[in-house]
N, C-alpha and C. Protein backbone atom coordinates (compact mmCIF):
# COMPACT_ATOMS: atom_id res chain seq x y z
N MET A 1 55.17 104.63 20.11
CA MET A 1 55.82 105.91 20.87
C MET A 1 55.44 105.29 22.41
N ARG A 2 54.56 104.56 22.93
CA ARG A 2 54.58 104.19 24.61
C ARG A 2 55.75 102.99 24.93
N ARG A 3 56.36 102.81 24.15
CA ARG A 3 57.24 101.73 23.86
C ARG A 3 58.43 102.02 23.93
N ILE A 4 58.74 103.14 23.31
CA ILE A 4 59.65 104.13 23.34
C ILE A 4 60.40 104.65 24.77
N TRP A 5 59.12 105.49 25.38
CA TRP A 5 59.25 106.11 26.56
C TRP A 5 59.19 105.05 27.94
N VAL A 6 58.43 103.73 27.54
CA VAL A 6 58.93 102.71 28.31
C VAL A 6 60.45 101.99 28.52
N GLN A 7 60.82 102.31 27.25
CA GLN A 7 62.30 101.41 27.19
C GLN A 7 63.41 102.72 28.04
N ALA A 8 63.04 104.04 27.63
CA ALA A 8 63.93 104.85 28.37
C ALA A 8 63.51 105.04 29.72
N GLY A 9 62.26 104.88 30.20
CA GLY A 9 62.04 104.94 31.72
C GLY A 9 62.53 103.62 32.05
N ILE A 10 62.60 102.45 31.53
CA ILE A 10 63.31 101.31 32.40
C ILE A 10 64.68 101.73 32.61
N ALA A 11 65.52 102.30 31.82
CA ALA A 11 66.86 102.45 31.58
C ALA A 11 67.00 103.84 32.78
N PHE A 12 66.39 104.33 32.60
CA PHE A 12 66.48 105.87 34.28
C PHE A 12 65.85 105.23 34.69
N GLY A 13 65.19 104.50 35.32
CA GLY A 13 64.68 103.37 36.57
C GLY A 13 65.84 102.79 37.05
N VAL A 14 66.68 102.22 36.62
CA VAL A 14 67.52 101.20 36.67
C VAL A 14 69.01 102.24 37.20
N LEU A 15 68.95 103.65 36.46
CA LEU A 15 70.33 104.04 36.56
C LEU A 15 69.63 104.67 37.91
N ALA A 16 68.59 105.11 38.53
CA ALA A 16 68.69 105.46 39.74
C ALA A 16 68.53 104.79 40.90
N ILE A 17 68.11 103.45 40.25
CA ILE A 17 67.90 102.70 41.38
C ILE A 17 68.99 102.21 42.22
N SER A 18 70.21 102.41 40.90
CA SER A 18 71.62 102.26 41.12
C SER A 18 72.04 103.23 41.87
N ALA A 19 71.78 104.41 41.35
CA ALA A 19 73.00 105.25 41.31
C ALA A 19 72.84 106.11 43.17
N PHE A 20 71.11 105.66 43.17
CA PHE A 20 71.22 106.17 44.54
C PHE A 20 70.84 105.20 45.55
N GLY A 21 71.38 103.64 45.11
CA GLY A 21 70.85 102.89 46.59
C GLY A 21 69.06 102.67 46.31
N PHE A 22 68.04 102.67 45.94
CA PHE A 22 67.03 102.78 46.62
C PHE A 22 66.37 101.05 46.91
N GLN A 23 66.76 100.57 47.63
CA GLN A 23 66.49 99.11 48.41
C GLN A 23 64.92 99.75 49.25
N ASP A 24 64.89 100.49 49.94
CA ASP A 24 63.72 100.87 50.53
C ASP A 24 62.36 101.65 49.60
N SER A 25 61.18 100.60 49.65
CA SER A 25 60.24 100.84 48.38
C SER A 25 59.56 101.85 48.58
N ALA A 26 59.19 102.09 50.10
CA ALA A 26 58.75 103.33 51.01
C ALA A 26 59.31 104.65 50.51
N ALA A 27 60.25 104.29 50.49
CA ALA A 27 61.11 106.12 50.43
C ALA A 27 60.71 106.73 49.20
N ARG A 28 60.71 105.45 47.86
CA ARG A 28 61.02 106.63 46.85
C ARG A 28 59.29 107.15 45.95
N PRO A 29 58.99 108.31 45.45
CA PRO A 29 58.25 108.63 45.17
C PRO A 29 56.76 107.76 44.10
N SER A 30 58.07 106.58 43.56
CA SER A 30 57.14 106.02 41.99
C SER A 30 56.14 105.10 43.35
N LYS A 31 56.56 104.86 44.63
CA LYS A 31 55.50 104.13 45.63
C LYS A 31 54.08 104.90 46.07
N ALA A 32 54.67 105.87 46.02
CA ALA A 32 53.28 107.40 45.99
C ALA A 32 52.19 106.73 45.25
N MET A 33 52.98 107.32 43.77
CA MET A 33 52.23 107.43 42.15
C MET A 33 51.49 106.33 42.17
N PHE A 34 51.82 104.84 42.88
CA PHE A 34 51.85 103.50 42.28
C PHE A 34 50.29 103.38 43.03
N GLU A 35 50.13 104.03 44.67
CA GLU A 35 49.12 103.69 45.85
C GLU A 35 48.06 104.78 45.18
N LYS A 36 48.65 105.99 44.57
CA LYS A 36 47.50 107.11 43.55
C LYS A 36 46.67 106.64 43.30
N THR A 37 47.19 105.95 42.02
CA THR A 37 46.70 105.99 40.64
C THR A 37 45.78 104.14 40.65
N CYS A 38 46.26 103.19 41.53
CA CYS A 38 45.59 102.27 41.37
C CYS A 38 45.36 101.39 42.57
N SER A 39 44.85 102.16 43.63
CA SER A 39 44.84 101.70 45.31
C SER A 39 43.07 102.32 45.17
N ALA A 40 42.25 102.87 43.91
CA ALA A 40 41.45 102.26 43.91
C ALA A 40 40.53 101.49 43.37
N CYS A 41 41.14 100.77 42.86
CA CYS A 41 41.06 99.42 42.67
C CYS A 41 41.79 98.26 43.22
N HIS A 42 42.76 98.35 43.45
CA HIS A 42 43.66 97.05 44.10
C HIS A 42 44.57 97.88 45.64
N THR A 43 44.31 96.71 46.01
CA THR A 43 45.43 97.12 47.29
C THR A 43 46.74 96.70 47.01
N ALA A 44 47.64 96.96 48.08
CA ALA A 44 49.14 96.74 48.11
C ALA A 44 48.89 95.29 47.65
N GLU A 45 48.49 94.58 48.89
CA GLU A 45 48.89 93.14 49.51
C GLU A 45 48.26 92.56 47.62
N SER A 46 47.23 93.22 47.30
CA SER A 46 46.50 92.23 46.46
C SER A 46 47.58 92.19 45.08
N VAL A 47 48.90 93.78 44.91
CA VAL A 47 49.59 93.01 43.84
C VAL A 47 50.24 92.22 44.57
N ALA A 48 50.89 92.51 45.75
CA ALA A 48 52.07 91.40 45.97
C ALA A 48 51.74 89.84 46.10
N SER A 49 50.46 89.36 45.89
CA SER A 49 49.96 88.22 46.13
C SER A 49 50.54 87.52 44.88
N ALA A 50 51.12 88.43 43.75
CA ALA A 50 51.76 87.29 42.31
C ALA A 50 53.19 88.61 41.77
N ARG A 51 53.81 87.67 42.30
CA ARG A 51 55.48 88.45 41.08
C ARG A 51 55.50 88.39 40.06
N ARG A 52 55.53 89.50 39.59
CA ARG A 52 55.41 89.23 37.91
C ARG A 52 57.05 89.98 36.91
N THR A 53 57.29 89.10 35.97
CA THR A 53 58.25 89.92 35.46
C THR A 53 58.11 91.48 34.86
N ARG A 54 59.28 91.96 34.48
CA ARG A 54 59.08 93.42 33.85
C ARG A 54 57.82 93.51 32.22
N ASP A 55 58.27 92.48 31.80
CA ASP A 55 57.27 92.45 30.72
C ASP A 55 55.91 92.05 31.53
N GLN A 56 55.79 91.03 32.36
CA GLN A 56 54.48 90.81 32.58
C GLN A 56 53.74 92.38 33.51
N TRP A 57 54.35 92.98 33.80
CA TRP A 57 54.08 93.52 34.78
C TRP A 57 53.63 95.37 33.32
N GLN A 58 54.57 95.53 32.70
CA GLN A 58 54.26 96.23 31.65
C GLN A 58 52.96 95.59 30.79
N THR A 59 52.44 94.21 30.88
CA THR A 59 51.38 94.26 29.94
C THR A 59 50.23 94.76 30.95
N VAL A 60 50.59 94.19 32.02
CA VAL A 60 49.40 94.23 33.02
C VAL A 60 49.21 95.94 33.26
N MET A 61 49.57 96.35 32.92
CA MET A 61 49.47 97.63 33.29
C MET A 61 49.09 98.34 31.53
N GLU A 62 49.42 98.33 30.80
CA GLU A 62 49.07 98.54 29.80
C GLU A 62 47.69 98.37 29.04
N GLU A 63 47.17 96.74 29.78
CA GLU A 63 45.77 95.99 30.02
C GLU A 63 45.06 97.02 30.68
N MET A 64 45.21 97.45 31.71
CA MET A 64 44.68 98.26 32.73
C MET A 64 44.29 99.48 32.01
N VAL A 65 45.05 100.14 31.23
CA VAL A 65 44.71 101.14 30.90
C VAL A 65 43.98 101.36 29.41
N SER A 66 44.24 100.13 28.51
CA SER A 66 43.48 99.87 27.40
C SER A 66 42.22 98.96 27.61
N GLN A 67 41.74 98.44 28.55
CA GLN A 67 40.54 96.96 28.72
C GLN A 67 40.11 97.71 29.73
N GLN A 68 40.80 97.97 31.08
CA GLN A 68 39.96 98.42 32.17
C GLN A 68 39.64 99.78 32.86
N GLY A 69 40.00 100.82 31.59
CA GLY A 69 39.73 102.05 31.76
C GLY A 69 40.65 102.87 32.86
N ALA A 70 41.92 102.25 33.35
CA ALA A 70 42.19 103.07 34.80
C ALA A 70 43.36 104.31 33.60
N THR A 71 43.33 104.90 34.30
CA THR A 71 44.25 106.73 33.73
C THR A 71 45.46 106.71 34.65
N ILE A 72 46.08 106.20 33.66
CA ILE A 72 47.71 106.73 34.27
C ILE A 72 48.37 107.43 33.28
N ALA A 73 48.93 108.89 33.74
CA ALA A 73 49.57 109.94 33.00
C ALA A 73 50.54 109.46 32.90
N ASP A 74 51.26 109.74 31.60
CA ASP A 74 52.33 109.28 30.34
C ASP A 74 53.62 109.62 31.48
N GLU A 75 53.68 110.36 32.26
CA GLU A 75 54.74 110.84 33.27
C GLU A 75 55.01 110.06 34.38
N GLU A 76 53.80 109.21 34.17
CA GLU A 76 53.59 108.50 36.13
C GLU A 76 53.61 106.46 35.68
N PHE A 77 53.49 106.18 33.96
CA PHE A 77 53.70 105.09 33.55
C PHE A 77 54.85 104.20 34.52
N ASN A 78 56.15 105.08 33.77
CA ASN A 78 57.35 104.38 33.64
C ASN A 78 57.71 104.02 35.41
N PRO A 79 57.57 105.69 36.21
CA PRO A 79 58.18 105.15 37.28
C PRO A 79 57.19 104.18 38.00
N ILE A 80 55.87 104.38 37.82
CA ILE A 80 55.21 102.84 38.35
C ILE A 80 55.46 101.61 38.05
N LEU A 81 55.42 101.58 36.79
CA LEU A 81 56.69 100.40 36.24
C LEU A 81 57.49 99.62 37.14
N GLU A 82 58.91 100.85 37.10
CA GLU A 82 60.01 100.27 38.05
C GLU A 82 59.64 100.26 39.33
N TYR A 83 58.66 101.03 40.15
CA TYR A 83 58.09 100.24 41.38
C TYR A 83 57.35 98.91 41.63
N LEU A 84 56.84 98.76 40.42
CA LEU A 84 56.15 97.44 40.55
C LEU A 84 56.89 96.69 40.00
N VAL A 85 58.51 96.60 39.45
CA VAL A 85 59.26 95.84 39.03
C VAL A 85 60.64 95.44 40.44
N SER A 86 60.14 96.51 40.82
CA SER A 86 61.18 96.50 42.50
C SER A 86 60.94 95.79 43.67
N ALA A 87 59.63 96.41 43.90
CA ALA A 87 59.00 95.34 44.75
C ALA A 87 58.05 94.27 44.75
N TYR A 88 57.35 94.40 43.44
CA TYR A 88 56.97 92.59 43.44
C TYR A 88 57.37 92.06 41.66
N GLY A 89 58.33 92.32 41.72
CA GLY A 89 58.92 92.11 40.30
C GLY A 89 59.55 90.29 40.43
N LYS A 90 60.15 89.42 39.13
CA LYS A 90 60.31 88.33 39.36
C LYS A 90 61.17 88.25 38.57
N VAL A 91 62.37 88.17 38.71
CA VAL A 91 63.65 87.83 37.68
C VAL A 91 63.75 85.98 37.47
N ASN A 92 63.93 86.01 35.99
CA ASN A 92 64.96 84.71 35.57
C ASN A 92 66.08 84.41 35.62
N VAL A 93 66.95 83.82 36.51
CA VAL A 93 68.49 84.32 36.44
C VAL A 93 69.22 83.73 35.49
N ASN A 94 68.32 82.75 35.22
CA ASN A 94 69.44 81.94 33.91
C ASN A 94 68.91 83.03 32.15
N THR A 95 68.59 83.93 31.80
CA THR A 95 68.10 84.90 31.30
C THR A 95 68.23 86.11 31.35
N ALA A 96 67.57 86.73 32.14
CA ALA A 96 67.98 88.07 32.65
C ALA A 96 69.20 89.06 32.55
N PRO A 97 69.51 90.24 32.29
CA PRO A 97 70.87 91.17 32.27
C PRO A 97 70.62 91.58 33.49
N ALA A 98 72.19 91.48 33.76
CA ALA A 98 72.68 91.91 35.23
C ALA A 98 71.98 92.89 35.76
N ASP A 99 71.41 94.00 35.34
CA ASP A 99 70.76 95.31 35.70
C ASP A 99 69.12 95.19 36.36
N GLU A 100 68.71 93.99 35.64
CA GLU A 100 67.48 93.49 36.33
C GLU A 100 67.64 92.84 36.86
N ILE A 101 68.40 91.88 37.77
CA ILE A 101 68.80 91.12 38.74
C ILE A 101 69.39 91.61 39.74
N SER A 102 69.68 92.86 39.36
CA SER A 102 70.42 93.74 40.30
C SER A 102 69.25 94.55 40.90
N GLN A 103 68.05 95.14 39.97
CA GLN A 103 67.23 95.69 40.30
C GLN A 103 66.16 95.00 40.91
N ILE A 104 65.88 93.80 41.00
CA ILE A 104 64.59 92.64 41.44
C ILE A 104 65.09 92.11 42.48
N LEU A 105 66.40 91.50 43.06
CA LEU A 105 66.50 91.19 43.60
C LEU A 105 67.78 91.66 44.63
N GLY A 106 67.66 92.67 44.86
CA GLY A 106 68.51 93.92 45.51
C GLY A 106 69.94 93.53 45.26
N LEU A 107 70.67 93.05 44.45
CA LEU A 107 72.39 92.82 44.80
C LEU A 107 72.49 94.28 44.23
N SER A 108 73.77 94.07 44.39
CA SER A 108 74.82 95.08 43.99
C SER A 108 75.30 94.91 41.86
N GLN A 109 75.37 96.06 41.42
CA GLN A 109 75.78 95.70 39.97
C GLN A 109 76.81 94.74 39.67
N LYS A 110 78.01 94.60 40.55
CA LYS A 110 78.85 93.71 40.63
C LYS A 110 78.61 92.55 41.38
N GLU A 111 77.82 92.25 42.09
CA GLU A 111 77.27 90.82 42.48
C GLU A 111 76.00 90.46 40.60
N ALA A 112 75.21 91.38 40.65
CA ALA A 112 74.35 90.84 39.62
C ALA A 112 75.48 90.56 38.33
N GLU A 113 76.42 91.07 37.97
CA GLU A 113 76.94 90.73 36.88
C GLU A 113 78.01 89.23 37.24
N ALA A 114 78.21 89.13 38.54
CA ALA A 114 78.74 88.20 38.99
C ALA A 114 78.10 86.81 38.63
N VAL A 115 76.94 86.84 38.82
CA VAL A 115 75.59 85.70 38.70
C VAL A 115 75.51 85.44 37.00
N VAL A 116 75.67 87.19 36.24
CA VAL A 116 75.50 86.60 34.86
C VAL A 116 76.87 85.55 34.21
N LYS A 117 77.78 86.17 34.61
CA LYS A 117 79.23 85.62 34.54
C LYS A 117 79.32 84.31 34.90
N PHE A 118 78.69 84.19 36.33
CA PHE A 118 78.71 82.68 36.17
C PHE A 118 78.13 81.26 35.54
N ARG A 119 76.56 82.32 34.88
CA ARG A 119 76.22 81.59 34.37
C ARG A 119 76.26 80.70 33.11
N LYS A 120 77.21 81.99 32.80
CA LYS A 120 77.92 82.10 31.04
C LYS A 120 79.28 80.77 30.78
N GLU A 121 79.52 80.93 32.64
CA GLU A 121 81.07 80.11 32.39
C GLU A 121 80.23 78.74 32.68
N LYS A 122 79.34 78.58 33.77
CA LYS A 122 78.75 77.32 34.42
C LYS A 122 77.85 76.17 33.98
N GLY A 123 76.80 77.49 33.12
CA GLY A 123 75.68 76.90 32.64
C GLY A 123 74.22 77.48 33.21
N LYS A 124 73.07 77.12 33.10
CA LYS A 124 72.08 77.45 33.92
C LYS A 124 72.10 77.48 35.60
N PHE A 125 70.83 77.88 36.41
CA PHE A 125 70.93 77.57 37.46
C PHE A 125 70.02 76.48 37.89
N GLU A 126 70.28 75.63 38.02
CA GLU A 126 68.85 74.55 38.40
C GLU A 126 67.65 74.89 39.86
N ASP A 127 68.59 75.85 40.86
CA ASP A 127 68.34 75.54 41.80
C ASP A 127 68.27 77.05 42.87
N PHE A 128 67.90 77.16 43.52
CA PHE A 128 68.80 78.25 44.51
C PHE A 128 70.02 77.54 45.31
N ASP A 129 69.86 76.69 45.49
CA ASP A 129 71.10 76.19 46.09
C ASP A 129 72.51 76.64 45.09
N ALA A 130 72.08 76.00 43.59
CA ALA A 130 73.34 76.38 42.80
C ALA A 130 73.55 77.78 42.60
N LEU A 131 72.60 78.97 42.69
CA LEU A 131 72.60 80.31 42.52
C LEU A 131 73.11 80.57 43.75
N GLY A 132 73.12 79.85 44.99
CA GLY A 132 74.15 80.44 46.02
C GLY A 132 75.55 79.79 46.29
N LYS A 133 76.20 79.44 45.20
CA LYS A 133 77.55 79.41 45.15
C LYS A 133 77.82 80.15 44.24
N VAL A 134 77.44 80.88 43.74
CA VAL A 134 78.41 82.23 42.91
C VAL A 134 79.20 82.76 43.83
N PRO A 135 80.53 83.03 43.17
CA PRO A 135 81.08 83.92 44.37
C PRO A 135 80.88 85.25 44.61
N GLY A 136 81.00 85.95 45.85
CA GLY A 136 80.71 87.16 46.05
C GLY A 136 79.23 87.83 45.99
N VAL A 137 78.27 87.07 46.02
CA VAL A 137 77.36 87.34 46.49
C VAL A 137 76.63 86.93 47.56
N ASP A 138 76.38 87.66 48.35
CA ASP A 138 75.26 88.26 49.42
C ASP A 138 74.47 86.88 49.38
N LEU A 139 74.28 86.01 50.18
CA LEU A 139 73.50 84.84 50.21
C LEU A 139 72.21 85.02 50.81
N LYS A 140 72.84 86.21 52.16
CA LYS A 140 71.47 86.65 52.89
C LYS A 140 70.61 87.73 52.23
N LYS A 141 70.89 88.35 50.56
CA LYS A 141 70.11 89.17 49.97
C LYS A 141 69.30 87.96 49.13
N LEU A 142 70.01 87.80 48.67
CA LEU A 142 69.27 86.55 47.95
C LEU A 142 68.23 85.95 48.84
N GLU A 143 68.28 85.13 49.62
CA GLU A 143 67.39 84.56 50.68
C GLU A 143 65.88 85.44 50.80
N THR A 144 66.85 86.71 51.34
CA THR A 144 65.32 87.66 51.08
C THR A 144 64.32 87.76 50.39
N LYS A 145 64.95 87.28 49.24
CA LYS A 145 64.58 87.97 47.78
C LYS A 145 64.08 86.33 47.02
N ARG A 146 63.84 85.21 47.70
CA ARG A 146 63.76 84.03 47.36
C ARG A 146 62.68 83.55 46.07
N ASP A 147 61.34 84.12 46.75
CA ASP A 147 60.51 83.97 45.70
C ASP A 147 59.95 85.00 44.99
N ALA A 148 61.39 86.02 44.22
CA ALA A 148 61.54 86.63 43.25
C ALA A 148 62.30 86.12 42.20
N ILE A 149 62.45 84.87 42.43
CA ILE A 149 63.71 84.28 41.61
C ILE A 149 63.07 82.83 40.70
N ALA A 150 63.70 83.32 39.62
CA ALA A 150 62.88 81.98 38.69
C ALA A 150 64.07 81.50 37.89
N TYR A 151 63.70 80.30 37.67
CA TYR A 151 65.24 79.50 36.91
C TYR A 151 64.65 79.10 35.87
């Protein structure tokens, strides 16, 4: 049951981020949920010290609940997950779908789709310089999220 809710929440979170242009994590209520729920044991700085993929963040959250006794209300699980992915996520540009690339790197859906199209046509990206060759992608946006990119 949790998996279905998580998948539905992921879809909703990606749509909300795309539709409303949430680039500033401080403006989202999910950040407040994260701070309220997780700050008893973690500072934002400690969370930010290690970027993780969506699956890794989900695993961490599930382990916090099942093994560490954390309490996360069902209705808060997905918004917190979406916040963590958006603010502290990591994405492999060689394997991720466009919506995940868009969410984590702050690219428009069109830019993220260009990344996917380029890798399908030209092969995997070896490094940041190769990723920077994708036509129509704002290199400045990529530079600000360089630490969130995996190859």
